[in-house]
Amino acid sequence: MLSTEVQRVQIPGSTPLVPVPASTSYQHFWVVGATAALLTAQNFSISEAHAEKAETPEQQTDTAAHPSGNEATAKWRVYTNLARDMTREKKHDDAERYYKQALAEAKKGFGEEDPHVGAACNNMAEHYRLTKQWQLARPMYDEALRLLEQAYGRSDPRFAQALRNMASFCGQQEGQRDAAITYMTQAVQVMGSAMGKEHTEYAAMLLNLAVLLRRQPDRSLDATALLQESVQIYEAQPGGFPSEGVHALLQLAVAHWEAGKAADAAPLLMRGLSIIQDHQRRTRGGHAVEASSKPITRSHEMMAARAAWDIGVDLCQGSRWDTGRELLQQSLSIQSERLGGTHLNLAILLRKLAQVDLLKAPDNAALLRAQNEAQRACDMTQALCDAVKQAQDQEHGGSSGPGSWSWFRSKPKPADPHADHMREQTMRLAPVFAVECGSAWSVLAVAQDGLERRDEAEASLQKAITILRSPAAADLATASGSEGNADDLEAAARALQAPGLKHSQKLSLASYHRQLLASCLTGKAKLLLRKAVESQHSVQLKQDALALQEEAAALLGSRPAVH
């Protein structure tokens, strides 16, 4: 299932945290061609532990009740804003100090029992949640609930929002899922009574409850019904479907897909993608967004892109290839807009999109698209490999030509820690870049072979073989042990960005490296054997092909095929 924590909302003076992208697991299937090329589809599941990263949207404060001329209330506002800024910059120690000061000034300026103190308690609780200080967070949430209930009663939307925050917190705690559902159910009831069941805030509450219910295997139908009701409320809003309803569309689409109804999921997902892409165009063009519209977050954009990829792959393998292919293209467009020009994930997506087009072989148009996409993936990964070479030259005091990444265009100053960090990270990613580059060239060879461009296919396979034998991939080639999860390049890339690389993760990438190199060697051997049929040097070509087959067999621990 598509993973996201329950949406947090603001109560007066609070600094909520938006959902984070989902965790990812992987599945694969094989594309048949001159070489065996692996295509990975992303699966979504609700993670038990929420990601550490979070963003803090622009703060909103209830200024109507501020006593004028109160120095303490002015300090409360200043400290709250400073704490919010420190949280955005991930300076959590500084943020905690300012949140504590804001709470103290709220009590001093408004009084111990004022709802502004409840808002400050909520801010404090959210900080403790973000920094995983669970035992400190719970009392703050409890106090926020008590003060808001005392000030506004149990039928006020602000009390409903506090219940939602408590539900979100409980949803992160092991063994407290039932409590989370109870709190969220209460929040839904209060919001429906206070705002009406046609209001978007009620729709948002239904969505949050559905997210919690989807974690319970036996409550999936209940969750889907709530999602459908939420989407219907957004549909009925004057002025068209609001941007804030995108999350509900995505969740409902994935719920249908997981129930085996990919055909029902596709139109919902396409609508969500259309809203997101329109938002991206407006943002890119500098157009004003309506004040009533809530911004579409990066996490929602990437969530939609990943869901589109997953459902698109499913449809491409079934009877709706055209619809699936359109979803894949939209997924690539959204991620290209977000990630920019040269990025490992974009190269991987381009390579996978080429593999999807190869499923339509021998359709000439599909083969041409696959060739173009694979060539773009080759160019992108080659640029990344060049960046590694430049970083290595700088590490050893050498010089290189212009790099593809801005931070490598000149030798960084020794005292620049950011440049040093980026250079070190790039060199750690060298094996991933090399393996993905080899993979892209192998897929390009499949497309060229399908277009009967034999010489180009042979050259591309040789390019892949050369890259996979390069020093950048040499360390992977020496790894041994049990077979890992092939083609888990995204996970390997994330692992390599961390200071250490676990041996099991290294074996996973090494396993894919061996399979890919063996596949390329076998593919080239087949091309040589074809050429031998029409050549005067057939004996030599057959010997060369046998040598390649023997090398491939050695990599896989098997005997070469006899021709």
Protein backbone atom coordinates (compact mmCIF):
# COMPACT_ATOMS: atom_id res chain seq x y z
CA MET A 1 0.00 0.00 0.00
CA LEU A 2 0.99 3.56 -0.56
CA SER A 3 2.76 4.70 2.57
CA THR A 4 2.25 7.99 4.29
CA GLU A 5 1.79 9.07 7.83
CA VAL A 6 -1.47 10.69 8.83
CA GLN A 7 -1.56 14.32 7.78
CA ARG A 8 -0.90 16.76 10.60
CA VAL A 9 -2.80 20.01 10.73
CA GLN A 10 -2.28 23.33 12.38
CA ILE A 11 -4.04 24.61 15.39
CA PRO A 12 -3.44 28.23 16.32
CA GLY A 13 0.28 28.78 16.68
CA SER A 14 1.30 25.25 15.72
CA THR A 15 3.95 24.04 13.27
CA PRO A 16 2.65 20.81 11.69
CA LEU A 17 4.61 18.34 9.63
CA VAL A 18 3.51 17.11 6.22
CA PRO A 19 3.55 13.47 5.10
CA VAL A 20 6.78 11.93 3.90
CA PRO A 21 7.33 9.78 0.85
CA ALA A 22 6.49 6.09 1.01
CA SER A 23 8.92 3.29 1.63
CA THR A 24 9.63 1.10 -1.39
CA SER A 25 9.99 -2.60 -2.09
CA TYR A 26 10.87 -4.14 -5.43
CA GLN A 27 9.69 -6.78 -7.89
CA HIS A 28 11.01 -7.62 -11.34
CA PHE A 29 10.34 -9.36 -14.62
CA TRP A 30 12.53 -10.11 -17.63
CA VAL A 31 12.47 -8.55 -21.08
CA VAL A 32 13.42 -11.02 -23.80
CA GLY A 33 15.89 -9.80 -26.41
CA ALA A 34 19.51 -10.11 -27.48
CA THR A 35 20.34 -9.76 -23.78
CA ALA A 36 18.23 -10.39 -20.72
CA ALA A 37 17.39 -6.92 -19.42
CA LEU A 38 15.80 -6.55 -16.02
CA LEU A 39 12.84 -4.26 -15.43
CA THR A 40 12.01 -3.24 -11.89
CA ALA A 41 8.53 -2.22 -10.77
CA GLN A 42 8.07 -0.36 -7.51
CA ASN A 43 5.59 -1.62 -4.93
CA PHE A 44 4.09 0.44 -2.13
CA SER A 45 3.52 -0.66 1.44
CA ILE A 46 2.65 1.35 4.50
CA SER A 47 5.81 1.50 6.58
CA GLU A 48 5.64 0.66 10.24
CA ALA A 49 8.15 3.33 11.15
CA HIS A 50 7.82 6.77 9.63
CA ALA A 51 10.74 8.41 7.87
CA GLU A 52 12.84 10.81 9.85
CA LYS A 53 12.64 13.65 7.38
CA ALA A 54 9.77 16.11 7.50
CA GLU A 55 9.01 19.53 6.14
CA THR A 56 7.39 22.37 8.02
CA PRO A 57 4.97 24.43 5.92
CA GLU A 58 4.42 28.10 6.49
CA GLN A 59 3.18 28.73 9.98
CA GLN A 60 -0.24 30.14 10.71
CA THR A 61 -1.08 31.80 14.01
CA ASP A 62 -4.35 32.91 15.51
CA THR A 63 -3.75 36.63 15.93
CA ALA A 64 -7.29 37.64 16.78
CA ALA A 65 -6.92 36.80 20.46
CA HIS A 66 -3.49 38.34 21.00
CA PRO A 67 -3.48 40.87 23.84
CA SER A 68 -2.03 44.10 22.53
CA GLY A 69 1.13 45.46 24.11
CA ASN A 70 2.00 42.20 25.89
CA GLU A 71 5.75 41.65 25.72
CA ALA A 72 5.44 37.95 26.54
CA THR A 73 3.02 37.27 23.69
CA ALA A 74 5.34 39.08 21.27
CA LYS A 75 8.21 36.88 22.45
CA TRP A 76 5.99 33.81 22.05
CA ARG A 77 5.45 34.67 18.40
CA VAL A 78 9.16 35.38 17.78
CA TYR A 79 10.33 32.19 19.48
CA THR A 80 7.73 30.11 17.65
CA ASN A 81 8.88 31.47 14.28
CA LEU A 82 12.54 30.92 15.16
CA ALA A 83 11.80 27.35 16.23
CA ARG A 84 9.96 26.73 12.96
CA ASP A 85 12.94 28.04 10.97
CA MET A 86 15.38 25.89 12.95
CA THR A 87 13.21 22.84 12.31
CA ARG A 88 13.25 23.54 8.57
CA GLU A 89 17.04 23.76 8.70
CA LYS A 90 17.13 20.55 10.77
CA LYS A 91 18.87 22.34 13.63
CA HIS A 92 16.83 20.40 16.15
CA ASP A 93 18.74 21.38 19.29
CA ASP A 94 18.19 25.06 18.55
CA ALA A 95 14.56 24.38 17.62
CA GLU A 96 13.93 22.62 20.92
CA ARG A 97 15.34 25.55 22.89
CA TYR A 98 13.09 28.02 21.06
CA TYR A 99 9.99 25.83 21.40
CA LYS A 100 10.56 25.64 25.15
CA GLN A 101 10.98 29.41 25.31
CA ALA A 102 7.82 29.90 23.25
CA LEU A 103 5.88 27.65 25.63
CA ALA A 104 7.14 29.57 28.65
CA GLU A 105 6.24 32.94 27.11
CA ALA A 106 2.78 31.67 26.10
CA LYS A 107 2.07 30.69 29.70
CA LYS A 108 3.36 34.03 30.92
CA GLY A 109 1.56 36.17 28.35
CA PHE A 110 -1.74 34.33 27.89
CA GLY A 111 -2.11 32.44 31.16
CA GLU A 112 -1.57 28.78 32.04
CA GLU A 113 -4.98 27.64 30.80
CA ASP A 114 -5.16 29.64 27.55
CA PRO A 115 -5.58 27.73 24.24
CA HIS A 116 -2.45 29.44 22.92
CA VAL A 117 -0.58 27.41 25.52
CA GLY A 118 -2.26 24.35 24.02
CA ALA A 119 -0.93 25.36 20.60
CA ALA A 120 2.56 25.77 22.08
CA CYS A 121 2.25 22.34 23.69
CA ASN A 122 1.32 20.90 20.30
CA ASN A 123 4.42 22.49 18.75
CA MET A 124 6.54 21.00 21.51
CA ALA A 125 4.94 17.58 21.01
CA GLU A 126 5.56 17.70 17.25
CA HIS A 127 9.21 18.52 17.87
CA TYR A 128 9.57 15.60 20.25
CA ARG A 129 7.86 13.33 17.71
CA LEU A 130 10.18 14.46 14.95
CA THR A 131 13.25 13.84 17.12
CA LYS A 132 11.79 10.52 18.36
CA GLN A 133 11.58 11.60 21.98
CA TRP A 134 8.37 9.62 22.32
CA GLN A 135 8.01 9.71 26.10
CA LEU A 136 8.29 13.50 26.14
CA ALA A 137 5.86 13.92 23.25
CA ARG A 138 2.85 12.14 24.75
CA PRO A 139 2.37 14.47 27.77
CA MET A 140 2.52 17.48 25.45
CA TYR A 141 -0.16 16.03 23.17
CA ASP A 142 -2.31 15.23 26.21
CA GLU A 143 -1.95 18.77 27.55
CA ALA A 144 -2.76 20.29 24.15
CA LEU A 145 -5.94 18.19 23.98
CA ARG A 146 -6.96 19.15 27.51
CA LEU A 147 -6.49 22.89 26.99
CA LEU A 148 -8.25 22.98 23.62
CA GLU A 149 -11.18 20.94 24.89
CA GLN A 150 -11.41 23.21 27.92
CA ALA A 151 -11.34 26.35 25.78
CA TYR A 152 -13.51 25.32 22.83
CA GLY A 153 -15.42 22.22 23.89
CA ARG A 154 -15.59 18.80 22.22
CA SER A 155 -17.54 20.03 19.19
CA ASP A 156 -15.01 22.56 17.89
CA PRO A 157 -12.87 21.95 14.77
CA ARG A 158 -9.73 22.98 16.66
CA PHE A 159 -10.35 20.16 19.10
CA ALA A 160 -10.82 17.81 16.12
CA GLN A 161 -7.46 18.92 14.76
CA ALA A 162 -5.80 18.16 18.10
CA LEU A 163 -7.40 14.71 18.06
CA ARG A 164 -5.99 14.17 14.58
CA ASN A 165 -2.49 15.08 15.75
CA MET A 166 -2.79 12.65 18.66
CA ALA A 167 -3.99 9.92 16.29
CA SER A 168 -1.01 10.53 14.04
CA PHE A 169 1.35 10.24 17.00
CA CYS A 170 -0.26 7.02 18.23
CA GLY A 171 -0.10 5.60 14.72
CA GLN A 172 3.68 5.75 14.93
CA GLN A 173 3.82 3.83 18.21
CA GLU A 174 4.07 0.07 18.29
CA GLY A 175 0.92 -1.44 19.74
CA GLN A 176 -1.13 1.78 19.61
CA ARG A 177 -2.86 1.39 16.24
CA ASP A 178 -6.24 0.79 17.85
CA ALA A 179 -5.82 3.96 19.91
CA ALA A 180 -4.88 5.87 16.77
CA ILE A 181 -8.03 4.68 15.00
CA THR A 182 -10.13 5.61 18.03
CA TYR A 183 -8.73 9.15 18.17
CA MET A 184 -9.12 9.61 14.42
CA THR A 185 -12.69 8.31 14.46
CA GLN A 186 -13.51 10.88 17.14
CA ALA A 187 -11.83 13.57 15.04
CA VAL A 188 -13.97 12.62 12.02
CA GLN A 189 -17.15 12.79 14.08
CA VAL A 190 -16.28 16.16 15.62
CA MET A 191 -15.25 17.71 12.30
CA GLY A 192 -18.36 16.44 10.56
CA SER A 193 -20.56 17.91 13.26
CA ALA A 194 -18.68 21.21 13.44
CA MET A 195 -18.03 21.92 9.75
CA GLY A 196 -20.58 19.77 7.97
CA LYS A 197 -20.06 16.64 5.91
CA GLU A 198 -19.64 18.62 2.70
CA HIS A 199 -16.58 20.52 3.95
CA THR A 200 -13.07 19.77 2.71
CA GLU A 201 -11.79 19.57 6.29
CA TYR A 202 -14.17 16.68 6.85
CA ALA A 203 -12.94 15.07 3.63
CA ALA A 204 -9.37 15.41 4.90
CA MET A 205 -10.34 13.70 8.17
CA LEU A 206 -11.92 10.82 6.25
CA LEU A 207 -8.70 10.46 4.27
CA ASN A 208 -6.61 10.35 7.44
CA LEU A 209 -8.83 7.68 8.97
CA ALA A 210 -8.65 5.66 5.74
CA VAL A 211 -4.84 5.78 5.83
CA LEU A 212 -4.89 4.28 9.33
CA LEU A 213 -7.45 1.62 8.39
CA ARG A 214 -5.42 0.56 5.35
CA ARG A 215 -2.73 -0.64 7.74
CA GLN A 216 -5.22 -3.22 9.02
CA PRO A 217 -5.50 -6.09 6.48
CA ASP A 218 -9.12 -6.77 7.47
CA ARG A 219 -10.21 -3.11 7.12
CA SER A 220 -9.23 -2.47 3.49
CA LEU A 221 -12.85 -2.32 2.30
CA ASP A 222 -13.75 0.17 5.03
CA ALA A 223 -10.75 2.28 4.03
CA THR A 224 -11.75 2.24 0.36
CA ALA A 225 -15.29 3.35 1.22
CA LEU A 226 -13.93 6.29 3.23
CA LEU A 227 -11.61 7.25 0.39
CA GLN A 228 -14.48 7.20 -2.08
CA GLU A 229 -16.53 9.45 0.20
CA SER A 230 -13.58 11.82 0.59
CA VAL A 231 -13.09 12.06 -3.18
CA GLN A 232 -16.82 12.68 -3.71
CA ILE A 233 -16.69 15.62 -1.28
CA TYR A 234 -13.76 17.13 -3.16
CA GLU A 235 -15.59 16.51 -6.45
CA ALA A 236 -18.57 18.54 -5.23
CA GLN A 237 -16.56 21.64 -4.36
CA PRO A 238 -17.40 24.80 -6.34
CA GLY A 239 -14.66 25.77 -8.75
CA GLY A 240 -13.56 22.25 -9.53
CA PHE A 241 -11.52 19.59 -7.80
CA PRO A 242 -9.17 21.32 -5.30
CA SER A 243 -5.45 20.57 -5.22
CA GLU A 244 -5.71 19.43 -1.60
CA GLY A 245 -7.79 16.46 -2.76
CA VAL A 246 -4.94 14.97 -4.80
CA HIS A 247 -3.82 12.80 -1.91
CA ALA A 248 -7.28 11.21 -1.67
CA LEU A 249 -7.26 10.48 -5.41
CA LEU A 250 -3.85 8.81 -5.12
CA GLN A 251 -4.85 6.72 -2.12
CA LEU A 252 -8.07 5.59 -3.79
CA ALA A 253 -6.23 4.71 -7.01
CA VAL A 254 -3.71 2.56 -5.16
CA ALA A 255 -6.47 0.94 -3.08
CA HIS A 256 -8.22 -0.15 -6.30
CA TRP A 257 -4.94 -1.35 -7.77
CA GLU A 258 -4.10 -3.44 -4.71
CA ALA A 259 -7.56 -4.98 -4.92
CA GLY A 260 -6.72 -6.15 -8.44
CA LYS A 261 -8.66 -3.37 -10.16
CA ALA A 262 -5.93 -1.63 -12.13
CA ALA A 263 -8.46 -0.54 -14.76
CA ASP A 264 -10.42 1.36 -12.08
CA ALA A 265 -7.22 2.82 -10.64
CA ALA A 266 -5.92 4.26 -13.92
CA PRO A 267 -8.49 7.08 -14.50
CA LEU A 268 -8.22 8.24 -10.87
CA LEU A 269 -4.47 8.30 -11.08
CA MET A 270 -4.51 10.12 -14.42
CA ARG A 271 -6.72 12.81 -12.95
CA GLY A 272 -4.38 13.23 -10.01
CA LEU A 273 -1.38 13.41 -12.33
CA SER A 274 -3.12 16.05 -14.44
CA ILE A 275 -3.73 18.23 -11.37
CA ILE A 276 -0.12 17.83 -10.25
CA GLN A 277 1.30 18.64 -13.69
CA ASP A 278 -0.93 21.72 -13.96
CA HIS A 279 0.35 22.82 -10.56
CA GLN A 280 3.94 22.28 -11.72
CA ARG A 281 3.34 24.35 -14.86
CA ARG A 282 1.80 27.18 -12.86
CA THR A 283 4.66 27.12 -10.38
CA ARG A 284 7.27 27.01 -13.13
CA GLY A 285 5.56 29.83 -15.03
CA GLY A 286 5.28 32.05 -11.98
CA HIS A 287 1.48 32.09 -12.11
CA ALA A 288 -0.34 32.93 -8.92
CA VAL A 289 -2.09 30.11 -7.12
CA GLU A 290 -5.49 30.85 -5.63
CA ALA A 291 -5.29 31.81 -1.97
CA SER A 292 -7.82 29.12 -1.10
CA SER A 293 -5.71 26.42 -2.74
CA LYS A 294 -3.30 24.41 -0.66
CA PRO A 295 0.08 23.69 -2.25
CA ILE A 296 0.86 20.25 -3.60
CA THR A 297 3.88 19.01 -1.69
CA ARG A 298 6.95 17.32 -3.10
CA SER A 299 5.98 14.15 -1.25
CA HIS A 300 2.61 14.07 -3.05
CA GLU A 301 4.29 14.62 -6.42
CA MET A 302 6.76 11.80 -5.91
CA MET A 303 4.04 9.57 -4.44
CA ALA A 304 1.96 10.09 -7.58
CA ALA A 305 4.93 9.44 -9.84
CA ARG A 306 5.77 6.18 -8.11
CA ALA A 307 2.16 5.01 -8.06
CA ALA A 308 1.87 5.85 -11.77
CA TRP A 309 4.95 3.77 -12.48
CA ASP A 310 3.72 0.77 -10.50
CA ILE A 311 0.22 0.76 -11.97
CA GLY A 312 1.58 1.55 -15.43
CA VAL A 313 3.88 -1.49 -15.37
CA ASP A 314 0.94 -3.64 -14.27
CA LEU A 315 -1.21 -2.41 -17.16
CA CYS A 316 1.61 -2.83 -19.69
CA GLN A 317 1.92 -6.48 -18.73
CA GLY A 318 -1.83 -6.90 -19.15
CA SER A 319 -4.18 -5.93 -21.93
CA ARG A 320 -4.00 -2.13 -21.55
CA TRP A 321 -0.51 -1.39 -22.78
CA ASP A 322 -1.30 2.07 -24.17
CA THR A 323 -2.83 3.28 -20.90
CA GLY A 324 0.03 1.82 -18.91
CA ARG A 325 2.60 3.40 -21.20
CA GLU A 326 0.94 6.80 -20.77
CA LEU A 327 1.13 6.47 -16.99
CA LEU A 328 4.82 5.60 -17.20
CA GLN A 329 5.49 8.63 -19.37
CA GLN A 330 3.66 10.92 -16.94
CA SER A 331 5.60 9.43 -14.04
CA LEU A 332 8.84 10.22 -15.83
CA SER A 333 7.68 13.77 -16.61
CA ILE A 334 6.82 14.54 -12.98
CA GLN A 335 10.10 13.17 -11.68
CA SER A 336 12.06 14.99 -14.38
CA GLU A 337 10.43 18.24 -13.28
CA ARG A 338 11.40 17.56 -9.68
CA LEU A 339 14.85 16.02 -10.04
CA GLY A 340 16.26 18.19 -12.82
CA GLY A 341 18.64 17.29 -15.63
CA THR A 342 21.24 14.67 -14.70
CA HIS A 343 20.08 12.32 -11.96
CA LEU A 344 20.58 8.62 -11.30
CA ASN A 345 16.88 7.96 -10.70
CA LEU A 346 15.94 9.58 -14.02
CA ALA A 347 18.49 7.43 -15.84
CA ILE A 348 17.02 4.32 -14.23
CA LEU A 349 13.48 5.34 -15.20
CA LEU A 350 14.52 6.01 -18.80
CA ARG A 351 16.17 2.62 -19.00
CA LYS A 352 13.07 0.93 -17.56
CA LEU A 353 10.78 2.83 -19.92
CA ALA A 354 12.86 1.56 -22.82
CA GLN A 355 12.41 -1.98 -21.50
CA VAL A 356 8.64 -1.47 -21.39
CA ASP A 357 8.68 -0.34 -25.03
CA LEU A 358 10.65 -3.48 -25.89
CA LEU A 359 7.62 -5.49 -24.77
CA LYS A 360 5.93 -4.26 -27.99
CA ALA A 361 8.68 -5.64 -30.22
CA PRO A 362 8.78 -6.13 -33.17
CA ASP A 363 6.67 -2.94 -33.45
CA ASN A 364 9.05 -0.55 -35.18
CA ALA A 365 7.75 2.62 -33.50
CA ALA A 366 8.13 1.04 -30.06
CA LEU A 367 11.66 -0.08 -30.89
CA LEU A 368 12.59 3.44 -32.01
CA ARG A 369 11.21 4.87 -28.77
CA ALA A 370 13.14 2.29 -26.78
CA GLN A 371 16.32 3.16 -28.66
CA ASN A 372 15.87 6.87 -27.95
CA GLU A 373 15.10 6.33 -24.25
CA ALA A 374 17.99 3.95 -23.76
CA GLN A 375 20.37 6.36 -25.50
CA ARG A 376 19.28 9.15 -23.15
CA ALA A 377 19.89 6.83 -20.20
CA CYS A 378 23.34 6.03 -21.58
CA ASP A 379 24.20 9.71 -21.96
CA MET A 380 22.97 10.52 -18.46
CA THR A 381 24.81 7.69 -16.72
CA GLN A 382 27.95 8.42 -18.73
CA ALA A 383 27.81 12.01 -17.46
CA LEU A 384 27.56 10.67 -13.91
CA CYS A 385 30.55 8.40 -14.49
CA ASP A 386 32.47 11.38 -15.86
CA ALA A 387 31.62 13.29 -12.68
CA VAL A 388 33.14 10.43 -10.68
CA LYS A 389 36.31 10.59 -12.78
CA GLN A 390 36.55 14.32 -12.19
CA ALA A 391 36.01 13.88 -8.46
CA GLN A 392 38.75 11.26 -8.37
CA ASP A 393 41.12 13.56 -10.24
CA GLN A 394 40.44 16.33 -7.75
CA GLU A 395 40.92 13.94 -4.84
CA HIS A 396 44.39 13.12 -6.15
CA GLY A 397 45.26 16.68 -7.08
CA GLY A 398 44.75 16.21 -10.81
CA SER A 399 42.51 18.14 -13.17
CA SER A 400 39.65 17.23 -15.43
CA GLY A 401 37.59 18.83 -18.10
CA PRO A 402 34.21 20.43 -17.46
CA GLY A 403 31.98 18.13 -15.43
CA SER A 404 28.26 17.57 -15.71
CA TRP A 405 27.60 18.60 -12.12
CA SER A 406 28.10 22.20 -11.08
CA TRP A 407 29.96 21.42 -7.90
CA PHE A 408 32.73 19.68 -9.89
CA ARG A 409 33.36 22.39 -12.44
CA SER A 410 36.33 23.72 -10.53
CA LYS A 411 38.55 22.27 -7.87
CA PRO A 412 36.82 22.98 -4.54
CA LYS A 413 38.62 24.84 -1.84
CA PRO A 414 40.05 22.51 0.82
CA ALA A 415 38.07 24.35 3.49
CA ASP A 416 34.71 23.83 1.76
CA PRO A 417 33.04 20.97 3.70
CA HIS A 418 30.00 20.87 1.40
CA ALA A 419 32.14 20.37 -1.72
CA ASP A 420 34.20 17.74 0.09
CA HIS A 421 31.03 15.92 1.13
CA MET A 422 29.57 15.99 -2.40
CA ARG A 423 32.83 14.72 -3.88
CA GLU A 424 33.03 11.87 -1.36
CA GLN A 425 29.40 10.94 -1.96
CA THR A 426 29.93 10.89 -5.71
CA MET A 427 32.91 8.57 -5.43
CA ARG A 428 30.94 6.22 -3.16
CA LEU A 429 28.27 6.05 -5.86
CA ALA A 430 30.80 5.12 -8.55
CA PRO A 431 29.86 1.39 -8.60
CA VAL A 432 26.16 2.23 -8.93
CA PHE A 433 26.79 4.65 -11.78
CA ALA A 434 28.97 2.11 -13.58
CA VAL A 435 26.49 -0.75 -13.26
CA GLU A 436 23.54 1.39 -14.34
CA CYS A 437 25.54 2.74 -17.27
CA GLY A 438 26.31 -0.81 -18.37
CA SER A 439 22.66 -1.73 -17.96
CA ALA A 440 21.56 1.21 -20.14
CA TRP A 441 23.97 0.22 -22.92
CA SER A 442 22.72 -3.39 -22.80
CA VAL A 443 19.10 -2.23 -23.24
CA LEU A 444 20.16 0.03 -26.10
CA ALA A 445 21.72 -3.01 -27.74
CA VAL A 446 18.43 -4.92 -27.47
CA ALA A 447 16.60 -2.08 -29.23
CA GLN A 448 19.26 -1.80 -31.94
CA ASP A 449 19.17 -5.54 -32.50
CA GLY A 450 15.38 -5.39 -32.89
CA LEU A 451 15.85 -2.66 -35.51
CA GLU A 452 18.36 -4.95 -37.28
CA ARG A 453 21.24 -2.58 -36.62
CA ARG A 454 23.60 -5.45 -35.83
CA ASP A 455 26.88 -3.57 -35.86
CA GLU A 456 25.50 -0.86 -33.58
CA ALA A 457 24.10 -3.50 -31.24
CA GLU A 458 27.48 -5.24 -31.08
CA ALA A 459 29.22 -1.93 -30.36
CA SER A 460 26.73 -1.12 -27.60
CA LEU A 461 27.22 -4.52 -26.00
CA GLN A 462 30.97 -4.06 -26.13
CA LYS A 463 30.55 -0.65 -24.49
CA ALA A 464 28.49 -2.26 -21.72
CA ILE A 465 31.07 -5.01 -21.24
CA THR A 466 33.92 -2.49 -21.07
CA ILE A 467 32.10 -0.41 -18.45
CA LEU A 468 31.18 -3.45 -16.37
CA ARG A 469 34.82 -4.56 -16.42
CA SER A 470 36.02 -1.06 -15.46
CA PRO A 471 37.78 -0.25 -12.15
CA ALA A 472 34.60 1.44 -10.92
CA ALA A 473 32.82 -1.93 -11.00
CA ALA A 474 35.86 -4.05 -10.13
CA ASP A 475 35.15 -4.01 -6.40
CA LEU A 476 31.69 -5.43 -7.04
CA ALA A 477 33.08 -8.13 -9.29
CA THR A 478 35.15 -9.55 -6.41
CA ALA A 479 32.21 -9.76 -3.99
CA SER A 480 30.97 -13.27 -3.29
CA GLY A 481 28.24 -14.97 -1.32
CA SER A 482 24.56 -15.73 -1.69
CA GLU A 483 22.60 -14.15 -4.48
CA GLY A 484 20.98 -10.85 -3.57
CA ASN A 485 17.98 -9.00 -4.89
CA ALA A 486 18.90 -8.25 -8.50
CA ASP A 487 18.50 -4.78 -9.97
CA ASP A 488 17.92 -3.12 -6.61
CA LEU A 489 19.92 -0.16 -7.85
CA GLU A 490 17.80 2.50 -6.18
CA ALA A 491 18.25 0.84 -2.78
CA ALA A 492 21.96 0.38 -3.45
CA ALA A 493 22.29 4.03 -4.37
CA ARG A 494 20.64 5.09 -1.13
CA ALA A 495 22.88 2.75 0.84
CA LEU A 496 26.01 4.04 -0.86
CA GLN A 497 25.14 7.60 0.11
CA ALA A 498 25.43 6.58 3.76
CA PRO A 499 28.92 6.50 5.33
CA GLY A 500 29.03 2.70 5.35
CA LEU A 501 27.87 0.06 2.86
CA LYS A 502 26.56 -3.12 4.43
CA HIS A 503 28.03 -6.32 3.00
CA SER A 504 24.60 -7.74 2.18
CA GLN A 505 23.73 -4.61 0.19
CA LYS A 506 27.03 -4.84 -1.63
CA LEU A 507 26.32 -8.45 -2.54
CA SER A 508 22.93 -7.43 -3.91
CA LEU A 509 24.50 -4.99 -6.35
CA ALA A 510 27.35 -7.43 -7.05
CA SER A 511 24.82 -10.14 -7.90
CA TYR A 512 23.13 -7.89 -10.45
CA HIS A 513 26.53 -6.87 -11.81
CA ARG A 514 27.49 -10.51 -12.46
CA GLN A 515 24.16 -11.34 -14.07
CA LEU A 516 24.28 -8.26 -16.26
CA LEU A 517 27.87 -8.82 -17.39
CA ALA A 518 27.14 -12.47 -18.13
CA SER A 519 24.05 -11.44 -20.11
CA CYS A 520 26.05 -8.94 -22.17
CA LEU A 521 28.77 -11.51 -22.87
CA THR A 522 26.17 -14.06 -23.96
CA GLY A 523 24.39 -11.49 -26.11
CA LYS A 524 27.57 -10.55 -27.91
CA ALA A 525 28.37 -14.22 -28.42
CA LYS A 526 25.01 -14.68 -30.16
CA LEU A 527 25.71 -11.72 -32.44
CA LEU A 528 29.10 -13.17 -33.35
CA LEU A 529 27.55 -16.54 -34.14
CA ARG A 530 25.03 -14.85 -36.44
CA LYS A 531 27.85 -13.03 -38.17
CA ALA A 532 29.79 -16.28 -38.53
CA VAL A 533 27.08 -17.71 -40.77
CA GLU A 534 27.79 -15.04 -43.41
CA SER A 535 31.50 -14.51 -42.83
CA GLN A 536 34.66 -15.99 -44.30
CA HIS A 537 36.16 -15.86 -40.81
CA SER A 538 33.52 -18.07 -39.25
CA VAL A 539 36.01 -20.23 -37.35
CA GLN A 540 37.56 -17.25 -35.55
CA LEU A 541 34.16 -15.73 -34.82
CA LYS A 542 32.93 -19.00 -33.34
CA GLN A 543 36.04 -19.23 -31.18
CA ASP A 544 35.50 -15.67 -29.96
CA ALA A 545 31.86 -16.46 -29.22
CA LEU A 546 32.84 -19.58 -27.26
CA ALA A 547 35.33 -17.56 -25.21
CA LEU A 548 32.61 -15.08 -24.32
CA GLN A 549 30.24 -17.89 -23.37
CA GLU A 550 32.88 -19.47 -21.16
CA GLU A 551 33.47 -16.16 -19.38
CA ALA A 552 29.73 -15.75 -18.85
CA ALA A 553 29.45 -19.29 -17.52
CA ALA A 554 32.30 -18.67 -15.10
CA LEU A 555 30.51 -15.60 -13.76
CA LEU A 556 27.33 -17.59 -13.18
CA GLY A 557 29.05 -20.79 -12.08
CA SER A 558 27.68 -22.92 -14.91
CA ARG A 559 28.86 -24.57 -18.11
CA PRO A 560 28.76 -22.70 -21.44
CA ALA A 561 26.14 -23.57 -24.01
CA VAL A 562 27.28 -25.72 -26.91
CA HIS A 563 26.61 -24.40 -30.44
